[in-house]
Amino acid sequence: MNTRTKLIAAFTAAAMSLSGCGFKGLYSTSLPGGADLGDHPYTITATFADVLDLVPQSAVKVNDIAIGKVTAISLDGWSAKVTMSVNNSVKLPNNARALVSQTSLLGEKYVALLPPLGAADPTDLHQGSSIPLKDTRSAPEVEEVLGALSLLLNNGGVNQIQVIARELSSALKGNENSIRDLLDQLNIFVGTLDQQKGSIVAALQNIDTLAITLNKQKKIITDALDTFPQALAVLSQERGKLVTLLTSLSKLGSVATDVISSTQTELVQALRSLSPALEQLNAAGDNFPQALRIMGTFPFPLGTTRELVRGDYANLYAYVNLDLSAVLCQVPGADALCKLLTANAKQTKLTPGSGTAARPATQSTLTPMLIGTGK
């Protein structure tokens, strides 16, 4: 067997070996110069919407430093699931983000682990951790950038820039002062809005609270709106009576105004006359309500003397004046007797309460007597 036959046989054996093992065997082979995974690396997964042409054995980097490698890529529904092996000495928060990027414009792809947008999770990435789809993305490729640039240059608005610039120049020509004044006013307006930022935020929060309250009362508002047409129909039917009522109120207001205007002086004088009584009532202070409280105890003992009621008997002091002269002087033929009684009344002085004083025949005094239950 010559040398050429030996080479063909070797290549055939190699091809058969590759076809039997597949490319998966090559991807599982460690490449020289890769990241140092240490003695106990941990495995994490990340879900991407698109991994571009990322392949196993691609680097996993943090701040452009290789700290792991991609071990497998699989399809998970309509997403790509990337399995990575990371050096155990690398401590990353559990809510870290992942980005499929590339080393240069036409360089190889790798997975970059990025810090979270918000506060870092207190726990770290560990064996079996997973980065969800919302925290992953892919960097735009050169093909996408060139395609977008081509769309912009061919069918976009670049060819309209000259027209826009020309029309803008025509609009500004001769109106420089007005535009400058507008910009100054706009600057003041924006500054005022910035100063009122707190009030605007508070107003928006109040609107949000109002919206929440209205949402809770949605059924009541709906019922009210459903009833509102019926209420309007009733008001429409009673419109004539309402107009009559308002007209009558207007006339009543006019009459009341006339009455108040004509009696203004008397009303003011009456209020001024009432002022002393109110002042004295105010000066009485607490005495008046205390007097009303005591009045309810009559005829039971008052004060400490207890002269009115003693036990179950009440004292009665009565002075009866029997003056018959006024009656007899009206009787015809009794003139002499009338003169006698009148003269006697002028000469005699009545002393109430005295049992020994002289009294005319026509006057009498009752001595104190007891009125009780008869015990």
Protein backbone atom coordinates (compact mmCIF):
# COMPACT_ATOMS: atom_id res chain seq x y z
CA MET A 1 0.00 0.00 0.00
CA ASN A 2 1.50 3.27 -1.07
CA THR A 3 1.49 6.49 0.89
CA ARG A 4 -1.50 7.95 -1.02
CA THR A 5 -3.64 4.92 -0.18
CA LYS A 6 -2.65 5.18 3.47
CA LEU A 7 -3.68 8.88 3.61
CA ILE A 8 -7.06 8.12 2.02
CA ALA A 9 -7.67 5.36 4.53
CA ALA A 10 -6.74 7.63 7.43
CA PHE A 11 -9.10 10.38 6.28
CA THR A 12 -11.89 7.84 5.75
CA ALA A 13 -11.43 6.49 9.28
CA ALA A 14 -11.44 10.01 10.69
CA ALA A 15 -14.63 10.89 8.80
CA MET A 16 -16.33 7.74 10.02
CA SER A 17 -15.26 8.56 13.57
CA LEU A 18 -16.61 12.09 13.31
CA SER A 19 -19.91 10.93 11.81
CA GLY A 20 -20.30 8.39 14.60
CA CYS A 21 -19.51 10.75 17.45
CA GLY A 22 -21.12 13.86 15.90
CA PHE A 23 -20.27 17.44 16.59
CA LYS A 24 -21.59 17.09 20.10
CA GLY A 25 -18.45 15.20 20.98
CA LEU A 26 -16.30 18.02 19.67
CA TYR A 27 -18.29 20.64 21.58
CA SER A 28 -17.86 18.64 24.78
CA THR A 29 -14.10 18.64 24.35
CA SER A 30 -12.32 21.23 26.48
CA LEU A 31 -10.43 23.84 24.50
CA PRO A 32 -6.99 24.97 25.54
CA GLY A 33 -6.74 28.44 27.04
CA GLY A 34 -10.32 28.46 28.38
CA ALA A 35 -11.57 29.85 31.68
CA ASP A 36 -10.33 28.37 34.93
CA LEU A 37 -13.36 26.61 36.45
CA GLY A 38 -11.60 25.57 39.65
CA ASP A 39 -12.15 22.34 41.52
CA HIS A 40 -15.88 22.66 42.27
CA PRO A 41 -17.67 24.78 39.61
CA TYR A 42 -21.44 25.24 39.87
CA THR A 43 -23.93 25.04 37.01
CA ILE A 44 -26.52 27.71 36.21
CA THR A 45 -28.98 28.18 33.33
CA ALA A 46 -30.28 31.22 31.47
CA THR A 47 -33.24 31.50 29.10
CA PHE A 48 -32.78 33.69 25.99
CA ALA A 49 -35.22 34.72 23.28
CA ASP A 50 -32.35 34.45 20.75
CA VAL A 51 -28.77 33.24 21.27
CA LEU A 52 -27.63 34.17 17.72
CA ASP A 53 -24.78 31.79 16.78
CA LEU A 54 -23.63 31.08 20.35
CA VAL A 55 -22.13 27.59 20.63
CA PRO A 56 -20.99 25.36 23.51
CA GLN A 57 -17.50 26.04 24.86
CA SER A 58 -18.15 29.79 24.44
CA ALA A 59 -16.81 31.89 27.29
CA VAL A 60 -18.84 33.25 30.20
CA LYS A 61 -17.46 36.62 31.34
CA VAL A 62 -17.89 39.19 34.05
CA ASN A 63 -16.39 42.61 33.25
CA ASP A 64 -14.62 41.00 30.23
CA ILE A 65 -12.94 38.41 32.49
CA ALA A 66 -13.64 34.74 31.69
CA ILE A 67 -15.09 33.02 34.75
CA GLY A 68 -16.84 30.06 33.08
CA LYS A 69 -18.01 28.47 29.88
CA VAL A 70 -21.18 27.42 28.07
CA THR A 71 -21.64 23.67 28.44
CA ALA A 72 -24.92 23.13 26.54
CA ILE A 73 -27.58 24.91 24.50
CA SER A 74 -31.08 23.45 24.13
CA LEU A 75 -34.50 24.51 22.86
CA ASP A 76 -37.07 25.26 25.56
CA GLY A 77 -40.33 25.93 23.73
CA TRP A 78 -39.70 29.05 21.65
CA SER A 79 -36.74 30.07 23.79
CA ALA A 80 -33.12 28.94 24.04
CA LYS A 81 -31.88 27.47 27.28
CA VAL A 82 -28.15 27.99 27.88
CA THR A 83 -26.38 25.90 30.51
CA MET A 84 -23.19 27.43 31.95
CA SER A 85 -20.49 26.24 34.30
CA VAL A 86 -19.06 28.98 36.56
CA ASN A 87 -16.04 29.04 38.88
CA ASN A 88 -17.17 28.53 42.47
CA SER A 89 -15.06 31.45 43.71
CA VAL A 90 -17.15 33.93 41.69
CA LYS A 91 -19.91 35.47 43.82
CA LEU A 92 -22.78 36.99 41.84
CA PRO A 93 -26.23 38.12 43.11
CA ASN A 94 -29.09 35.74 42.42
CA ASN A 95 -30.87 38.40 40.29
CA ALA A 96 -27.94 38.96 37.94
CA ARG A 97 -28.63 39.54 34.22
CA ALA A 98 -27.18 37.75 31.16
CA LEU A 99 -26.30 39.17 27.74
CA VAL A 100 -25.16 37.40 24.58
CA SER A 101 -22.43 39.66 23.23
CA GLN A 102 -19.35 39.39 21.01
CA THR A 103 -15.72 40.23 21.50
CA SER A 104 -15.46 42.55 18.45
CA LEU A 105 -17.34 43.58 15.33
CA LEU A 106 -16.83 40.18 13.74
CA GLY A 107 -15.58 38.35 16.84
CA GLU A 108 -16.88 35.28 18.64
CA LYS A 109 -19.98 35.26 20.85
CA TYR A 110 -19.89 34.89 24.62
CA VAL A 111 -22.28 35.26 27.57
CA ALA A 112 -21.73 38.30 29.77
CA LEU A 113 -23.14 38.25 33.30
CA LEU A 114 -24.24 41.75 34.35
CA PRO A 115 -25.28 43.28 37.68
CA PRO A 116 -29.04 43.74 38.34
CA LEU A 117 -30.77 46.99 37.41
CA GLY A 118 -32.18 47.43 40.92
CA ALA A 119 -30.97 46.37 44.34
CA ALA A 120 -28.85 43.24 44.44
CA ASP A 121 -30.42 40.11 45.86
CA PRO A 122 -28.94 39.14 49.25
CA THR A 123 -28.41 35.55 48.05
CA ASP A 124 -25.81 34.54 45.45
CA LEU A 125 -25.99 32.40 42.35
CA HIS A 126 -25.54 28.75 43.25
CA GLN A 127 -25.85 25.27 41.85
CA GLY A 128 -29.10 25.03 39.87
CA SER A 129 -29.84 28.78 39.76
CA SER A 130 -31.73 30.03 36.72
CA ILE A 131 -31.78 33.49 35.09
CA PRO A 132 -35.30 34.13 33.67
CA LEU A 133 -36.10 35.44 30.19
CA LYS A 134 -36.94 38.93 31.48
CA ASP A 135 -33.34 39.36 32.70
CA THR A 136 -31.62 38.26 29.46
CA ARG A 137 -31.13 39.81 26.05
CA SER A 138 -28.93 39.59 22.97
CA ALA A 139 -26.70 42.33 21.57
CA PRO A 140 -27.55 43.52 18.02
CA GLU A 141 -25.48 41.89 15.31
CA VAL A 142 -23.65 43.62 12.50
CA GLU A 143 -26.18 42.26 10.01
CA GLU A 144 -29.06 43.85 11.92
CA VAL A 145 -27.27 47.21 12.18
CA LEU A 146 -26.39 47.22 8.46
CA GLY A 147 -29.95 46.17 7.54
CA ALA A 148 -31.45 49.01 9.60
CA LEU A 149 -28.94 51.48 8.11
CA SER A 150 -29.81 50.27 4.62
CA LEU A 151 -33.51 50.75 5.30
CA LEU A 152 -32.83 54.25 6.59
CA LEU A 153 -30.67 55.25 3.62
CA ASN A 154 -32.81 53.72 0.89
CA ASN A 155 -36.41 54.09 1.96
CA GLY A 156 -36.09 56.11 5.14
CA GLY A 157 -36.18 59.81 5.86
CA VAL A 158 -32.60 60.68 5.01
CA ASN A 159 -33.61 61.98 1.58
CA GLN A 160 -36.12 64.21 3.35
CA ILE A 161 -33.53 65.86 5.63
CA GLN A 162 -32.74 68.52 2.99
CA VAL A 163 -36.43 69.34 2.58
CA ILE A 164 -36.90 69.47 6.35
CA ALA A 165 -33.86 71.73 6.79
CA ARG A 166 -35.01 74.06 3.98
CA GLU A 167 -38.56 74.36 5.35
CA LEU A 168 -37.25 74.89 8.87
CA SER A 169 -34.94 77.66 7.63
CA SER A 170 -37.85 79.32 5.80
CA ALA A 171 -40.01 79.15 8.93
CA LEU A 172 -37.33 80.66 11.17
CA LYS A 173 -36.24 83.36 8.75
CA GLY A 174 -37.36 86.77 10.02
CA ASN A 175 -38.78 85.28 13.24
CA GLU A 176 -35.56 85.00 15.17
CA ASN A 177 -36.71 87.34 17.97
CA SER A 178 -40.04 85.54 18.35
CA ILE A 179 -38.35 82.14 18.43
CA ARG A 180 -35.81 83.39 20.96
CA ASP A 181 -38.63 84.79 23.13
CA LEU A 182 -40.50 81.49 22.80
CA LEU A 183 -37.43 79.58 23.93
CA ASP A 184 -37.05 81.91 26.94
CA GLN A 185 -40.68 81.41 27.90
CA LEU A 186 -40.33 77.67 27.39
CA ASN A 187 -37.29 77.70 29.67
CA ILE A 188 -39.28 79.57 32.36
CA PHE A 189 -42.17 77.15 31.92
CA VAL A 190 -39.94 74.11 32.30
CA GLY A 191 -38.25 75.69 35.34
CA THR A 192 -41.66 76.36 36.93
CA LEU A 193 -42.69 72.78 36.30
CA ASP A 194 -39.47 71.60 37.92
CA GLN A 195 -40.17 73.77 40.99
CA GLN A 196 -43.71 72.40 41.22
CA LYS A 197 -42.54 68.82 40.78
CA GLY A 198 -43.52 67.83 44.29
CA SER A 199 -47.01 69.32 43.93
CA ILE A 200 -47.48 67.63 40.55
CA VAL A 201 -46.43 64.27 41.97
CA ALA A 202 -48.78 64.77 44.97
CA ALA A 203 -51.63 65.69 42.59
CA LEU A 204 -51.00 62.56 40.52
CA GLN A 205 -50.96 60.45 43.68
CA ASN A 206 -54.25 62.01 44.78
CA ILE A 207 -55.72 61.28 41.35
CA ASP A 208 -54.53 57.69 41.71
CA THR A 209 -56.20 57.48 45.15
CA LEU A 210 -59.38 58.97 43.70
CA ALA A 211 -59.34 56.46 40.85
CA ILE A 212 -58.94 53.60 43.33
CA THR A 213 -61.85 54.93 45.40
CA LEU A 214 -64.02 55.33 42.31
CA ASN A 215 -63.13 51.81 41.24
CA LYS A 216 -64.27 50.48 44.63
CA GLN A 217 -67.54 52.44 44.29
CA LYS A 218 -68.01 51.39 40.65
CA LYS A 219 -71.29 49.55 41.27
CA ILE A 220 -72.79 52.49 43.18
CA ILE A 221 -71.77 54.90 40.42
CA THR A 222 -73.19 52.57 37.78
CA ASP A 223 -76.49 52.30 39.64
CA ALA A 224 -76.60 56.09 40.03
CA LEU A 225 -75.99 56.59 36.31
CA ASP A 226 -78.70 54.04 35.51
CA THR A 227 -81.14 55.92 37.78
CA PHE A 228 -80.13 59.35 36.49
CA PRO A 229 -82.27 59.22 33.29
CA GLN A 230 -85.37 58.43 35.36
CA ALA A 231 -84.59 61.34 37.69
CA LEU A 232 -84.21 63.64 34.68
CA ALA A 233 -87.57 62.42 33.36
CA VAL A 234 -89.25 63.23 36.69
CA LEU A 235 -87.64 66.68 36.74
CA SER A 236 -88.83 67.25 33.17
CA GLN A 237 -92.39 66.33 34.15
CA GLU A 238 -92.32 68.60 37.20
CA ARG A 239 -90.63 71.48 35.40
CA GLY A 240 -93.73 73.68 35.51
CA LYS A 241 -94.11 73.25 39.26
CA LEU A 242 -90.42 73.87 39.80
CA VAL A 243 -90.60 77.08 37.77
CA THR A 244 -93.66 78.18 39.80
CA LEU A 245 -91.82 77.35 43.02
CA LEU A 246 -88.75 79.33 42.01
CA THR A 247 -90.94 82.27 40.92
CA SER A 248 -92.75 82.19 44.26
CA LEU A 249 -89.42 82.07 46.08
CA SER A 250 -88.30 85.09 44.09
CA LYS A 251 -91.46 87.00 45.09
CA LEU A 252 -91.04 85.88 48.70
CA GLY A 253 -87.49 87.17 48.64
CA SER A 254 -88.67 90.54 47.34
CA VAL A 255 -91.39 90.80 50.00
CA ALA A 256 -88.97 89.71 52.74
CA THR A 257 -86.48 92.31 51.56
CA ASP A 258 -89.16 95.01 51.70
CA VAL A 259 -90.28 93.92 55.18
CA ILE A 260 -86.74 93.86 56.52
CA SER A 261 -85.94 97.21 54.93
CA SER A 262 -89.10 98.86 56.36
CA THR A 263 -88.67 97.38 59.85
CA GLN A 264 -84.93 97.75 60.04
CA THR A 265 -84.98 100.67 62.48
CA GLU A 266 -87.56 99.04 64.83
CA LEU A 267 -85.72 95.71 64.69
CA VAL A 268 -82.42 97.36 65.59
CA GLN A 269 -84.06 99.23 68.48
CA ALA A 270 -85.71 96.04 69.72
CA LEU A 271 -82.39 94.22 69.63
CA ARG A 272 -80.72 97.09 71.48
CA SER A 273 -83.51 97.04 74.11
CA LEU A 274 -83.01 93.32 74.49
CA SER A 275 -79.29 93.81 75.02
CA PRO A 276 -79.46 94.84 78.74
CA ALA A 277 -81.61 91.82 79.60
CA LEU A 278 -79.18 89.52 77.84
CA GLU A 279 -76.22 91.19 79.54
CA GLN A 280 -77.83 90.72 82.98
CA LEU A 281 -78.69 87.12 82.11
CA ASN A 282 -75.07 86.58 81.09
CA ALA A 283 -73.89 88.26 84.30
CA ALA A 284 -76.04 85.87 86.33
CA GLY A 285 -73.73 83.12 85.11
CA ASP A 286 -74.24 79.84 86.95
CA ASN A 287 -76.73 81.35 89.42
CA PHE A 288 -79.67 81.06 87.01
CA PRO A 289 -79.37 77.29 86.32
CA GLN A 290 -78.76 76.68 90.03
CA ALA A 291 -81.93 78.61 90.86
CA LEU A 292 -83.89 76.54 88.37
CA ARG A 293 -82.54 73.40 90.01
CA ILE A 294 -83.63 74.57 93.47
CA MET A 295 -87.09 75.62 92.26
CA GLY A 296 -87.93 72.01 91.52
CA THR A 297 -87.64 71.14 95.28
CA PHE A 298 -90.60 73.34 96.32
CA PRO A 299 -92.36 72.95 98.78
CA PHE A 300 -89.78 70.71 100.38
CA PRO A 301 -87.07 72.07 102.73
CA LEU A 302 -85.10 74.99 101.30
CA GLY A 303 -81.81 76.18 102.73
CA THR A 304 -80.88 75.39 106.31
CA THR A 305 -83.63 77.23 108.27
CA ARG A 306 -86.47 74.91 107.22
CA GLU A 307 -89.06 77.47 108.35
CA LEU A 308 -91.56 76.54 105.60
CA VAL A 309 -91.78 72.76 106.11
CA ARG A 310 -91.18 71.02 109.40
CA GLY A 311 -91.55 67.25 109.32
CA ASP A 312 -94.86 66.45 107.67
CA TYR A 313 -96.43 69.89 108.46
CA ALA A 314 -96.17 73.21 106.61
CA ASN A 315 -96.34 76.61 108.31
CA LEU A 316 -98.77 79.14 106.83
CA TYR A 317 -98.66 82.85 107.66
CA ALA A 318 -101.77 84.61 106.26
CA TYR A 319 -102.81 88.24 106.63
CA VAL A 320 -106.43 88.90 105.56
CA ASN A 321 -107.57 92.54 105.19
CA LEU A 322 -111.37 92.80 105.34
CA ASP A 323 -112.03 96.40 104.30
CA LEU A 324 -115.80 96.72 103.78
CA SER A 325 -115.86 100.47 103.18
CA ALA A 326 -115.43 100.10 99.41
CA VAL A 327 -118.50 97.79 99.28
CA LEU A 328 -120.79 99.71 101.67
CA CYS A 329 -120.09 103.04 100.01
CA GLN A 330 -121.72 101.66 96.86
CA VAL A 331 -124.96 100.71 98.67
CA PRO A 332 -127.72 103.38 98.44
CA GLY A 333 -128.72 104.80 101.82
CA ALA A 334 -125.54 103.70 103.58
CA ASP A 335 -123.71 106.99 103.34
CA ALA A 336 -123.45 107.45 107.10
CA LEU A 337 -122.02 104.00 107.62
CA CYS A 338 -119.57 104.56 104.74
CA LYS A 339 -118.26 107.76 106.28
CA LEU A 340 -117.88 106.05 109.65
CA LEU A 341 -115.87 103.15 108.24
CA THR A 342 -113.66 105.46 106.15
CA ALA A 343 -112.85 107.64 109.10
CA ASN A 344 -112.10 104.63 111.31
CA ALA A 345 -109.73 103.18 108.66
CA LYS A 346 -107.74 106.43 108.49
CA GLN A 347 -107.36 106.63 112.27
CA THR A 348 -106.33 103.02 112.85
CA LYS A 349 -102.87 101.76 111.73
CA LEU A 350 -102.77 98.10 110.76
CA THR A 351 -99.76 96.21 112.04
CA PRO A 352 -99.46 92.80 110.33
CA GLY A 353 -98.28 89.94 112.48
CA SER A 354 -99.01 91.70 115.81
CA GLY A 355 -101.63 89.96 117.94
CA THR A 356 -101.99 92.90 120.45
CA ALA A 357 -102.22 95.93 118.15
CA ALA A 358 -105.57 97.64 117.81
CA ARG A 359 -107.42 96.78 114.62
CA PRO A 360 -110.57 98.22 113.13
CA ALA A 361 -113.67 96.12 113.10
CA THR A 362 -113.46 95.75 109.40
CA GLN A 363 -109.93 94.21 109.36
CA SER A 364 -108.73 90.84 110.58
CA THR A 365 -105.45 89.00 110.85
CA LEU A 366 -105.05 85.21 110.89
CA THR A 367 -102.43 83.86 113.26
CA PRO A 368 -99.90 81.26 112.08
CA MET A 369 -101.38 77.81 111.71
CA LEU A 370 -100.10 74.39 110.75
CA ILE A 371 -101.27 72.62 107.61
CA GLY A 372 -100.30 68.97 107.42
CA THR A 373 -101.41 65.41 107.20
CA GLY A 374 -103.01 65.50 110.64
CA LYS A 375 -100.51 63.27 112.36
